Amino acid sequence: QAQMVQSGGGTAQPGGSLRLSCATSGFTWRTYCMGWFRQAPGKEREEVVHVDYDSTTSYLDAVKGRFTVSKDNDKKTLYLEMNNLKFEDTAVYYCAAAIRCDWLVDHGYWGQGTQVTVSS
């Protein structure tokens, strides 16, 4: 059974940094597409970034140059390094995994979500 356990997040000031982790098990890590999503209060969920099995990435324009996704294949863990945080980055962040990147939303495994708050 697939498991996705998130950690990290919390509160940071504008311009600060946070790191999210997503430890996984129960599926063939190396063949899956992995992604990070977020949902802010009153807004729809949006994809922040995905990284395919071949390490190709696709970032939301709003986070390009500030967020970096990475994978540790030995630990089967996905990371999201968030730098130069802005108020509008405040949201609940979710990790997801699916056999195809376009399946993340409807057919993916999902983490439990973690709150990221950017506040002065």
Protein backbone atom coordinates (compact mmCIF):
# COMPACT_ATOMS: atom_id res chain seq x y z
CA GLN A 1 0.00 0.00 0.00
CA ALA A 2 1.39 3.37 -1.03
CA GLN A 3 2.24 5.86 1.68
CA MET A 4 3.23 9.50 1.37
CA VAL A 5 4.26 11.14 4.63
CA GLN A 6 5.00 14.85 4.60
CA SER A 7 7.12 16.88 6.98
CA GLY A 8 8.52 20.36 7.16
CA GLY A 9 6.68 23.56 6.49
CA GLY A 10 5.70 26.03 9.18
CA THR A 11 5.96 29.79 9.31
CA ALA A 12 8.51 32.06 7.69
CA GLN A 13 8.90 35.75 7.09
CA PRO A 14 8.77 37.22 3.61
CA GLY A 15 12.09 36.54 1.95
CA GLY A 16 12.67 33.54 4.16
CA SER A 17 13.04 29.86 3.36
CA LEU A 18 11.35 26.59 4.20
CA ARG A 19 11.83 23.01 3.12
CA LEU A 20 9.19 20.35 2.64
CA SER A 21 9.81 16.61 2.58
CA CYS A 22 7.66 13.75 1.37
CA ALA A 23 8.79 10.26 2.34
CA THR A 24 7.25 7.56 0.22
CA SER A 25 6.82 3.81 0.19
CA GLY A 26 4.72 1.11 -1.43
CA PHE A 27 5.19 1.90 -5.13
CA THR A 28 7.93 1.80 -7.75
CA TRP A 29 9.51 5.13 -6.92
CA ARG A 30 11.87 5.37 -9.88
CA THR A 31 9.13 5.02 -12.51
CA TYR A 32 6.72 7.55 -11.06
CA CYS A 33 6.10 11.22 -11.64
CA MET A 34 6.17 13.23 -8.41
CA GLY A 35 4.65 16.60 -7.76
CA TRP A 36 3.92 19.33 -5.26
CA PHE A 37 0.57 21.07 -5.14
CA ARG A 38 -0.80 23.82 -2.96
CA GLN A 39 -4.16 25.19 -1.98
CA ALA A 40 -4.60 28.61 -0.46
CA PRO A 41 -7.72 29.60 1.48
CA GLY A 42 -10.57 30.33 -0.89
CA LYS A 43 -8.57 29.30 -3.94
CA GLU A 44 -8.38 26.23 -6.11
CA ARG A 45 -5.57 23.74 -5.76
CA GLU A 46 -2.70 24.39 -8.15
CA GLU A 47 0.32 22.41 -9.21
CA VAL A 48 3.54 23.99 -8.01
CA VAL A 49 5.97 21.66 -9.72
CA HIS A 50 6.29 18.15 -11.00
CA VAL A 51 9.36 16.03 -11.66
CA ASP A 52 9.04 13.08 -13.95
CA TYR A 53 10.83 9.72 -13.67
CA ASP A 54 13.57 11.06 -15.98
CA SER A 55 14.04 14.16 -13.76
CA THR A 56 12.46 16.60 -16.18
CA THR A 57 10.67 19.32 -14.25
CA SER A 58 7.89 21.79 -14.79
CA TYR A 59 7.38 24.73 -12.44
CA LEU A 60 4.50 27.10 -11.88
CA ASP A 61 5.59 30.48 -13.24
CA ALA A 62 4.97 32.14 -9.88
CA VAL A 63 7.64 30.01 -8.17
CA LYS A 64 10.28 29.76 -10.88
CA GLY A 65 13.66 30.80 -9.60
CA ARG A 66 12.51 30.57 -5.97
CA PHE A 67 11.44 26.95 -5.47
CA THR A 68 13.49 23.87 -6.25
CA VAL A 69 12.26 20.29 -6.34
CA SER A 70 14.61 17.40 -5.73
CA LYS A 71 14.49 13.66 -5.18
CA ASP A 72 16.57 11.29 -3.10
CA ASN A 73 16.22 7.97 -4.85
CA ASP A 74 17.87 6.02 -2.06
CA LYS A 75 15.51 7.44 0.56
CA LYS A 76 12.53 7.56 -1.83
CA THR A 77 11.91 11.06 -0.63
CA LEU A 78 10.77 14.14 -2.49
CA TYR A 79 11.79 17.62 -1.37
CA LEU A 80 10.70 21.15 -2.08
CA GLU A 81 13.13 23.91 -1.18
CA MET A 82 11.30 27.23 -1.00
CA ASN A 83 13.34 30.42 -0.97
CA ASN A 84 12.46 34.10 -1.10
CA LEU A 85 9.00 33.28 0.19
CA LYS A 86 6.15 35.68 -0.46
CA PHE A 87 2.84 36.24 1.30
CA GLU A 88 1.07 34.61 -1.63
CA ASP A 89 2.94 31.35 -1.04
CA THR A 90 0.83 30.78 2.06
CA ALA A 91 -1.12 27.57 1.50
CA VAL A 92 -1.43 23.94 2.42
CA TYR A 93 1.11 22.03 0.37
CA TYR A 94 0.63 18.45 -0.80
CA CYS A 95 2.96 15.97 -2.44
CA ALA A 96 1.61 13.54 -5.01
CA ALA A 97 2.82 10.60 -7.07
CA ALA A 98 1.45 8.92 -10.17
CA ILE A 99 2.63 6.71 -12.99
CA ARG A 100 2.09 9.68 -15.33
CA CYS A 101 2.37 13.38 -14.58
CA ASP A 102 -1.05 14.11 -16.07
CA TRP A 103 -2.51 11.53 -13.70
CA LEU A 104 -1.31 13.23 -10.52
CA VAL A 105 -4.58 14.97 -9.73
CA ASP A 106 -7.08 12.22 -10.51
CA HIS A 107 -5.09 9.02 -10.05
CA GLY A 108 -2.25 9.91 -7.74
CA TYR A 109 -1.19 9.00 -4.26
CA TRP A 110 -1.29 12.02 -1.98
CA GLY A 111 0.40 13.17 1.16
CA GLN A 112 -1.51 14.46 4.15
CA GLY A 113 -0.71 18.12 3.51
CA THR A 114 1.40 20.56 5.44
CA GLN A 115 0.77 24.22 6.21
CA VAL A 116 3.15 26.89 4.94
CA THR A 117 2.50 30.38 6.28
CA VAL A 118 4.41 33.46 5.21
CA SER A 119 3.88 36.21 7.70
CA SER A 120 5.73 39.24 9.02
